[in-house]
Protein backbone atom coordinates (compact mmCIF):
# COMPACT_ATOMS: atom_id res chain seq x y z
CA MET A 1 -3.09 -10.54 -4.75
CA ARG A 2 -5.02 -7.69 -6.22
CA VAL A 3 -3.52 -6.27 -9.45
CA TYR A 4 -4.51 -2.73 -10.57
CA ASP A 5 -4.25 -1.93 -14.26
CA ASN A 6 -3.45 1.42 -15.84
CA GLU A 7 -7.12 2.52 -15.66
CA GLY A 8 -7.54 1.75 -11.99
CA ARG A 9 -9.46 -1.42 -12.49
CA HIS A 10 -8.39 -4.43 -10.48
CA ARG A 11 -8.51 -8.20 -10.72
CA GLU A 12 -7.70 -10.75 -8.07
CA LEU A 13 -5.14 -13.60 -8.38
CA SER A 14 -5.42 -16.39 -5.87
CA LEU A 15 -2.03 -17.75 -4.66
CA SER A 16 -1.73 -21.40 -3.83
CA PRO A 17 1.29 -23.30 -2.26
CA SER A 18 0.79 -25.86 -4.99
CA ARG A 19 2.14 -23.19 -7.44
CA SER A 20 4.89 -21.90 -5.34
CA ARG A 21 6.55 -19.47 -7.85
CA ILE A 22 4.73 -16.60 -9.52
CA THR A 23 6.55 -14.38 -12.07
CA ILE A 24 5.62 -10.69 -12.38
CA GLY A 25 6.64 -8.48 -15.35
CA ARG A 26 5.76 -6.84 -18.60
CA SER A 27 6.09 -10.04 -20.61
CA PRO A 28 2.69 -11.50 -21.75
CA LYS A 29 4.07 -14.86 -20.58
CA ALA A 30 4.49 -13.61 -16.94
CA ASP A 31 2.03 -15.15 -14.44
CA VAL A 32 1.12 -11.55 -13.51
CA SER A 33 1.51 -9.56 -16.78
CA LEU A 34 1.80 -5.83 -16.35
CA PHE A 35 1.92 -5.44 -20.20
CA TRP A 36 0.70 -1.84 -20.18
CA ASP A 37 3.54 -0.45 -18.10
CA GLU A 38 6.64 0.51 -20.01
CA GLU A 39 8.56 1.06 -16.73
CA VAL A 40 8.21 -2.58 -15.75
CA SER A 41 10.84 -5.00 -16.86
CA ARG A 42 9.87 -8.08 -18.87
CA LEU A 43 10.67 -10.14 -15.79
CA HIS A 44 10.45 -7.72 -12.91
CA ALA A 45 10.01 -9.72 -9.69
CA VAL A 46 9.04 -13.14 -8.40
CA ALA A 47 6.63 -14.12 -5.58
CA GLU A 48 7.64 -17.41 -3.90
CA TYR A 49 6.01 -19.56 -1.25
CA LEU A 50 8.69 -20.33 1.30
CA GLY A 51 8.22 -21.68 4.89
CA GLU A 52 4.42 -21.30 4.80
CA GLN A 53 4.77 -17.54 3.75
CA TRP A 54 4.69 -15.71 0.52
CA THR A 55 7.76 -13.70 -0.21
CA LEU A 56 8.61 -11.08 -2.86
CA LEU A 57 12.05 -11.04 -4.56
CA ASP A 58 13.42 -8.61 -7.11
CA GLY A 59 17.08 -9.78 -6.85
CA GLY A 60 18.24 -7.34 -9.50
CA LEU A 61 15.73 -8.62 -12.11
CA SER A 62 14.22 -5.23 -12.71
CA LEU A 63 15.74 -2.06 -14.21
CA ASN A 64 13.66 0.46 -12.19
CA GLY A 65 13.34 -1.43 -8.88
CA THR A 66 10.49 -2.81 -6.84
CA PHE A 67 8.90 -0.94 -3.99
CA VAL A 68 6.94 -2.36 -1.02
CA ASN A 69 4.97 0.08 1.13
CA GLY A 70 6.93 2.93 -0.40
CA ASP A 71 10.39 1.51 0.40
CA ARG A 72 12.70 0.15 -2.33
CA LEU A 73 12.95 -3.63 -2.03
CA ALA A 74 16.37 -4.92 -1.11
CA GLY A 75 16.58 -8.73 -0.97
CA ARG A 76 13.62 -10.76 -0.07
CA HIS A 77 10.44 -9.38 1.64
CA THR A 78 7.95 -11.50 3.50
CA LEU A 79 4.49 -10.35 2.35
CA ARG A 80 1.84 -9.44 4.90
CA PRO A 81 -1.80 -8.61 4.42
CA GLY A 82 -2.12 -4.95 3.37
CA ASP A 83 1.26 -4.75 1.79
CA VAL A 84 1.40 -2.58 -1.38
CA MET A 85 3.83 -3.44 -4.11
CA ARG A 86 4.78 -0.94 -6.76
CA MET A 87 6.53 -1.73 -10.04
CA GLY A 88 6.86 1.10 -12.43
CA SER A 89 3.49 2.93 -12.17
CA SER A 90 1.62 -0.32 -11.50
CA ARG A 91 0.26 -1.37 -8.15
CA ILE A 92 -0.30 -4.82 -6.54
CA THR A 93 -1.77 -5.36 -3.11
CA PHE A 94 -1.42 -8.51 -1.06
CA HIS A 95 -4.32 -9.95 0.82
CA ASP A 96 -5.12 -13.01 2.89
CA PHE A 97 -8.24 -14.45 1.44
CA THR A 98 -8.12 -17.63 3.57
CA LYS A 99 -9.96 -16.07 6.55
CA GLY A 100 -13.40 -14.69 7.10
CA VAL A 101 -16.61 -15.34 5.09
CA GLY A 102 -17.83 -13.55 2.00
CA GLY A 103 -16.94 -10.28 0.28
CA ASP A 104 -13.43 -8.95 0.78
CA ARG A 105 -12.34 -11.55 3.36
CA THR A 106 -9.17 -9.72 4.10
CA ARG A 107 -11.23 -6.91 5.65
CA ALA A 108 -12.99 -9.37 7.93
CA ALA A 109 -9.64 -10.83 9.06
CA ARG A 110 -8.13 -7.44 9.64
CA SER A 111 -10.40 -6.20 12.40
CA ASP A 112 -7.85 -3.99 14.12
CA LEU A 113 -6.12 -0.92 12.83
CA PRO A 114 -2.33 -0.62 12.52
CA THR A 115 -0.36 0.54 15.60
CA PRO A 116 2.03 3.46 15.38
CA SER A 117 4.97 0.99 15.63
CA SER A 118 3.73 -0.97 12.64
CA LEU A 119 4.08 2.08 10.41
CA THR A 120 7.41 3.01 8.87
CA PRO A 121 8.87 6.43 9.94
CA SER A 122 7.90 7.91 6.57
CA GLN A 123 4.33 6.60 6.71
CA ARG A 124 3.95 7.97 10.24
CA SER A 125 5.29 11.34 9.19
CA VAL A 126 2.83 11.56 6.33
CA LEU A 127 -0.04 10.55 8.59
CA ILE A 128 0.82 13.12 11.19
CA ALA A 129 1.15 15.84 8.57
CA LEU A 130 -2.21 14.80 7.07
CA CYS A 131 -3.86 15.10 10.45
CA ARG A 132 -2.28 18.38 11.56
CA PRO A 133 -5.01 20.71 10.18
CA ARG A 134 -7.71 18.63 11.87
CA VAL A 135 -6.09 19.13 15.31
CA ALA A 136 -5.31 22.76 14.69
CA GLY A 137 -8.85 23.50 13.45
CA ALA A 138 -10.80 25.20 16.24
CA ASP A 139 -14.14 23.99 15.03
CA GLY A 140 -13.00 20.37 14.52
CA PHE A 141 -14.10 20.36 10.85
CA ALA A 142 -10.83 21.48 9.14
CA LEU A 143 -9.91 19.48 6.07
CA PRO A 144 -6.92 17.26 6.13
CA ALA A 145 -3.65 18.49 4.60
CA THR A 146 -3.32 18.28 0.83
CA ASN A 147 -0.62 16.24 -0.91
CA GLN A 148 1.25 19.44 -1.70
CA GLN A 149 1.09 20.70 1.90
CA ILE A 150 2.40 17.31 3.14
CA ALA A 151 5.17 17.39 0.57
CA ASP A 152 6.22 20.94 1.47
CA GLU A 153 6.28 20.09 5.21
CA LEU A 154 8.24 16.89 4.86
CA PHE A 155 10.46 17.84 1.89
CA PHE A 156 8.98 14.93 -0.09
CA SER A 157 7.89 14.81 -3.67
CA VAL A 158 4.16 14.88 -4.21
CA ASP A 159 4.53 11.38 -5.84
CA THR A 160 6.19 10.07 -2.75
CA VAL A 161 3.33 11.41 -0.60
CA LYS A 162 0.83 9.69 -2.89
CA VAL A 163 2.62 6.30 -2.56
CA HIS A 164 2.63 6.62 1.24
CA LEU A 165 -1.01 7.59 1.35
CA ARG A 166 -2.06 4.67 -0.88
CA THR A 167 -0.21 2.35 1.58
CA LEU A 168 -1.92 3.93 4.54
CA PHE A 169 -5.39 3.67 2.93
CA ASN A 170 -4.69 -0.01 2.49
CA LYS A 171 -3.34 -0.61 6.01
CA PHE A 172 -6.44 1.16 7.45
CA GLY A 173 -8.80 -0.89 5.20
CA ILE A 174 -10.27 2.07 3.40
CA GLU A 175 -8.75 1.55 -0.03
CA ASP A 176 -12.13 0.84 -1.59
CA LEU A 177 -13.80 4.06 -0.43
CA PRO A 178 -14.50 6.78 -2.99
CA GLN A 179 -11.47 8.84 -3.63
CA ASN A 180 -12.95 12.00 -2.26
CA GLN A 181 -13.63 10.30 1.17
CA LYS A 182 -10.34 8.48 1.84
CA ARG A 183 -8.26 11.34 3.22
CA ALA A 184 -10.83 12.53 5.76
CA ARG A 185 -11.59 8.95 6.85
CA LEU A 186 -7.93 8.22 7.30
CA ALA A 187 -7.35 11.33 9.47
CA ASN A 188 -10.47 10.60 11.51
CA LEU A 189 -9.49 6.94 12.21
CA ALA A 190 -5.92 7.95 13.10
CA LEU A 191 -7.01 10.63 15.52
CA LYS A 192 -10.06 8.72 17.00
CA HIS A 193 -7.94 5.64 17.80
CA GLY A 194 -4.93 7.42 19.12
CA ILE A 195 -2.60 6.39 16.30
CA VAL A 196 -1.95 10.14 15.98
CA SER A 197 -2.33 12.23 19.11
CA GLU A 198 -2.28 15.92 19.81
CA ARG A 199 1.22 15.39 21.31
CA ASP A 200 2.44 14.19 17.92
CA ILE A 201 1.16 17.27 16.23
């Protein structure tokens, strides 16, 4: 797990089947303490190792809910590499650090890009809206759509657009790029590899 604090810094927490239950919350006693976030409940969610897979459970523990890849968690969710969990304004990403050698081993293990069918309808809509100006630009150098343009097109809030974009950055393996490069890189990858086509636009 990679836990991001209120200043954007992150730390990594290794999960092990020998410690099969990890508590997440605002309490200083939580295994993953999000003490800086007033929107997070003292005990907000639990990550559990079940059947050789890590799962995330809110189960009504939190007041404001838990979101995975932009969707509110209902019941138990099996975590997959690249999943983005949001609790309050805090963000935790799930990675598989058991494969590959050196550096961010998740990136080495995740050699292929997501397929259109692996994206939720909302994520796909945001990605298409992001790419639309690139396809429409006659010179091929048009900038991707802004958050506000995407929100206006899809009738989403800007905050919702930001959540979906963060998830897409993670799924495409570009979350560590400088902020001013992520949007163009995401649009380029989606168009280059046919995840968004001119027909979609």
